[in-house]
Amino acid sequence: MAEESKMLTLKEFASLLAVGNSRVNEPAPVIPTEHSNRLIALAYIADVAGRLRLTTLGRNRIAAGLSN
């Protein structure tokens, strides 16, 4: 995947953070479908048993910040 296509918008990054900050015993965060589809395609999140979960790549992306 080209490096440019891995750039996230501020809103997509916020959605990634929402998934990453959700707790197991709380309701799942609601993010736009287009964000979840793109974040899944980039392997930053995964749909596990109907719930969005952060992947290791997603954790690394959050650690890198918005600018990377």
N, C-alpha and C. Protein backbone atom coordinates (compact mmCIF):
# COMPACT_ATOMS: atom_id res chain seq x y z
N MET A 1 0.84 -1.17 0.00
CA MET A 1 0.00 0.00 0.00
C MET A 1 0.89 1.23 0.00
N ALA A 2 0.57 2.18 -0.81
CA ALA A 2 1.37 3.39 -0.91
C ALA A 2 1.35 4.16 0.40
N GLU A 3 2.45 4.81 0.72
CA GLU A 3 2.56 5.54 1.98
C GLU A 3 1.48 6.61 2.13
N GLU A 4 1.14 7.30 1.02
CA GLU A 4 0.11 8.34 1.10
C GLU A 4 -1.24 7.78 1.53
N SER A 5 -1.53 6.56 1.12
CA SER A 5 -2.83 5.98 1.44
C SER A 5 -2.92 5.60 2.92
N LYS A 6 -1.80 5.54 3.63
CA LYS A 6 -1.81 5.23 5.05
C LYS A 6 -2.01 6.48 5.91
N MET A 7 -1.99 7.65 5.29
CA MET A 7 -2.23 8.88 6.03
C MET A 7 -3.69 8.90 6.47
N LEU A 8 -3.91 9.25 7.72
CA LEU A 8 -5.25 9.32 8.25
C LEU A 8 -5.68 10.77 8.40
N THR A 9 -6.96 11.00 8.18
CA THR A 9 -7.50 12.32 8.46
C THR A 9 -7.63 12.46 9.98
N LEU A 10 -7.85 13.67 10.43
CA LEU A 10 -8.02 13.91 11.85
C LEU A 10 -9.21 13.11 12.39
N LYS A 11 -10.28 13.04 11.60
CA LYS A 11 -11.47 12.31 12.04
C LYS A 11 -11.23 10.80 12.07
N GLU A 12 -10.47 10.27 11.10
CA GLU A 12 -10.15 8.84 11.11
C GLU A 12 -9.26 8.51 12.30
N PHE A 13 -8.31 9.40 12.59
CA PHE A 13 -7.43 9.18 13.73
C PHE A 13 -8.25 9.21 15.03
N ALA A 14 -9.20 10.11 15.11
CA ALA A 14 -10.08 10.18 16.29
C ALA A 14 -10.88 8.89 16.44
N SER A 15 -11.32 8.32 15.33
CA SER A 15 -12.04 7.05 15.37
C SER A 15 -11.12 5.93 15.85
N LEU A 16 -9.88 5.94 15.39
CA LEU A 16 -8.91 4.94 15.84
C LEU A 16 -8.70 5.07 17.34
N LEU A 17 -8.57 6.29 17.83
CA LEU A 17 -8.42 6.52 19.27
C LEU A 17 -9.65 6.05 20.04
N ALA A 18 -10.83 6.29 19.49
CA ALA A 18 -12.07 5.86 20.16
C ALA A 18 -12.10 4.34 20.33
N VAL A 19 -11.69 3.62 19.30
CA VAL A 19 -11.64 2.16 19.39
C VAL A 19 -10.57 1.75 20.41
N GLY A 20 -9.43 2.40 20.35
CA GLY A 20 -8.34 2.07 21.26
C GLY A 20 -8.64 2.37 22.72
N ASN A 21 -9.45 3.39 22.96
CA ASN A 21 -9.76 3.79 24.33
C ASN A 21 -10.98 3.09 24.92
N SER A 22 -11.65 2.27 24.11
CA SER A 22 -12.84 1.59 24.62
C SER A 22 -12.44 0.45 25.55
N ARG A 23 -13.27 0.21 26.54
CA ARG A 23 -13.02 -0.87 27.50
C ARG A 23 -13.93 -2.04 27.17
N VAL A 24 -13.49 -3.21 27.58
CA VAL A 24 -14.21 -4.44 27.25
C VAL A 24 -15.62 -4.43 27.83
N ASN A 25 -15.79 -3.92 29.03
CA ASN A 25 -17.10 -3.99 29.69
C ASN A 25 -17.98 -2.77 29.40
N GLU A 26 -17.56 -1.90 28.48
CA GLU A 26 -18.34 -0.73 28.09
C GLU A 26 -18.92 -0.96 26.70
N PRO A 27 -19.95 -0.20 26.35
CA PRO A 27 -20.48 -0.31 24.99
C PRO A 27 -19.41 0.04 23.96
N ALA A 28 -19.47 -0.62 22.83
CA ALA A 28 -18.50 -0.37 21.77
C ALA A 28 -18.65 1.05 21.24
N PRO A 29 -17.54 1.70 20.87
CA PRO A 29 -17.67 3.05 20.32
C PRO A 29 -18.35 3.02 18.96
N VAL A 30 -19.08 4.05 18.66
CA VAL A 30 -19.75 4.16 17.36
C VAL A 30 -18.91 5.09 16.51
N ILE A 31 -18.36 4.53 15.42
CA ILE A 31 -17.57 5.33 14.49
C ILE A 31 -18.19 5.19 13.11
N PRO A 32 -17.96 6.16 12.23
CA PRO A 32 -18.54 6.07 10.88
C PRO A 32 -18.10 4.79 10.15
N THR A 33 -19.01 4.23 9.40
CA THR A 33 -18.73 3.00 8.66
C THR A 33 -17.53 3.14 7.74
N GLU A 34 -17.41 4.30 7.06
CA GLU A 34 -16.28 4.49 6.15
C GLU A 34 -14.96 4.50 6.92
N HIS A 35 -14.97 4.99 8.17
CA HIS A 35 -13.75 4.97 8.98
C HIS A 35 -13.41 3.54 9.37
N SER A 36 -14.40 2.79 9.83
CA SER A 36 -14.11 1.41 10.24
C SER A 36 -13.65 0.58 9.06
N ASN A 37 -14.27 0.76 7.90
CA ASN A 37 -13.84 0.00 6.72
C ASN A 37 -12.38 0.32 6.35
N ARG A 38 -12.02 1.60 6.39
CA ARG A 38 -10.65 2.00 6.03
C ARG A 38 -9.65 1.52 7.07
N LEU A 39 -9.99 1.66 8.36
CA LEU A 39 -9.08 1.23 9.42
C LEU A 39 -8.91 -0.29 9.42
N ILE A 40 -9.95 -1.01 9.07
CA ILE A 40 -9.83 -2.47 8.93
C ILE A 40 -8.95 -2.81 7.73
N ALA A 41 -9.14 -2.11 6.61
CA ALA A 41 -8.32 -2.36 5.41
C ALA A 41 -6.84 -2.07 5.68
N LEU A 42 -6.56 -1.08 6.52
CA LEU A 42 -5.18 -0.76 6.87
C LEU A 42 -4.64 -1.66 7.98
N ALA A 43 -5.48 -2.53 8.52
CA ALA A 43 -5.15 -3.48 9.59
C ALA A 43 -4.85 -2.79 10.91
N TYR A 44 -5.43 -1.60 11.12
CA TYR A 44 -5.28 -0.89 12.39
C TYR A 44 -6.30 -1.37 13.41
N ILE A 45 -7.45 -1.86 12.93
CA ILE A 45 -8.46 -2.44 13.80
C ILE A 45 -8.95 -3.73 13.14
N ALA A 46 -9.62 -4.55 13.94
CA ALA A 46 -10.21 -5.79 13.43
C ALA A 46 -11.59 -5.95 14.04
N ASP A 47 -12.48 -6.58 13.31
CA ASP A 47 -13.81 -6.89 13.82
C ASP A 47 -13.73 -8.29 14.42
N VAL A 48 -13.78 -8.36 15.75
CA VAL A 48 -13.69 -9.63 16.46
C VAL A 48 -15.02 -9.87 17.15
N ALA A 49 -15.71 -10.88 16.70
CA ALA A 49 -17.01 -11.25 17.27
C ALA A 49 -17.96 -10.07 17.30
N GLY A 50 -17.96 -9.28 16.22
CA GLY A 50 -18.89 -8.17 16.11
C GLY A 50 -18.49 -6.92 16.87
N ARG A 51 -17.29 -6.89 17.39
CA ARG A 51 -16.80 -5.71 18.12
C ARG A 51 -15.46 -5.29 17.54
N LEU A 52 -15.28 -3.98 17.36
CA LEU A 52 -14.02 -3.47 16.83
C LEU A 52 -12.95 -3.50 17.90
N ARG A 53 -11.78 -4.05 17.51
CA ARG A 53 -10.65 -4.17 18.43
C ARG A 53 -9.41 -3.58 17.77
N LEU A 54 -8.57 -2.96 18.56
CA LEU A 54 -7.33 -2.39 18.09
C LEU A 54 -6.33 -3.51 17.85
N THR A 55 -5.57 -3.44 16.76
CA THR A 55 -4.52 -4.41 16.48
C THR A 55 -3.18 -3.84 16.93
N THR A 56 -2.14 -4.65 16.85
CA THR A 56 -0.79 -4.18 17.18
C THR A 56 -0.40 -3.04 16.24
N LEU A 57 -0.73 -3.16 14.96
CA LEU A 57 -0.45 -2.07 14.02
C LEU A 57 -1.19 -0.80 14.43
N GLY A 58 -2.41 -0.95 14.91
CA GLY A 58 -3.19 0.19 15.36
C GLY A 58 -2.56 0.86 16.57
N ARG A 59 -2.07 0.05 17.51
CA ARG A 59 -1.39 0.60 18.69
C ARG A 59 -0.13 1.36 18.26
N ASN A 60 0.60 0.79 17.32
CA ASN A 60 1.80 1.46 16.83
C ASN A 60 1.45 2.75 16.12
N ARG A 61 0.34 2.77 15.41
CA ARG A 61 -0.10 3.97 14.67
C ARG A 61 -0.47 5.07 15.65
N ILE A 62 -1.15 4.72 16.73
CA ILE A 62 -1.50 5.70 17.75
C ILE A 62 -0.22 6.25 18.40
N ALA A 63 0.71 5.37 18.70
CA ALA A 63 1.97 5.81 19.31
C ALA A 63 2.74 6.75 18.40
N ALA A 64 2.64 6.54 17.08
CA ALA A 64 3.35 7.38 16.12
C ALA A 64 2.71 8.76 16.02
N GLY A 65 1.44 8.86 16.36
CA GLY A 65 0.74 10.14 16.30
C GLY A 65 0.10 10.39 14.96
N LEU A 66 -0.54 11.53 14.84
CA LEU A 66 -1.30 11.87 13.66
C LEU A 66 -0.41 12.18 12.45
N SER A 67 0.75 12.77 12.68
CA SER A 67 1.58 13.23 11.58
C SER A 67 2.22 12.13 10.75
N ASN A 68 2.33 10.92 11.30
CA ASN A 68 2.98 9.84 10.54
C ASN A 68 1.99 9.07 9.71
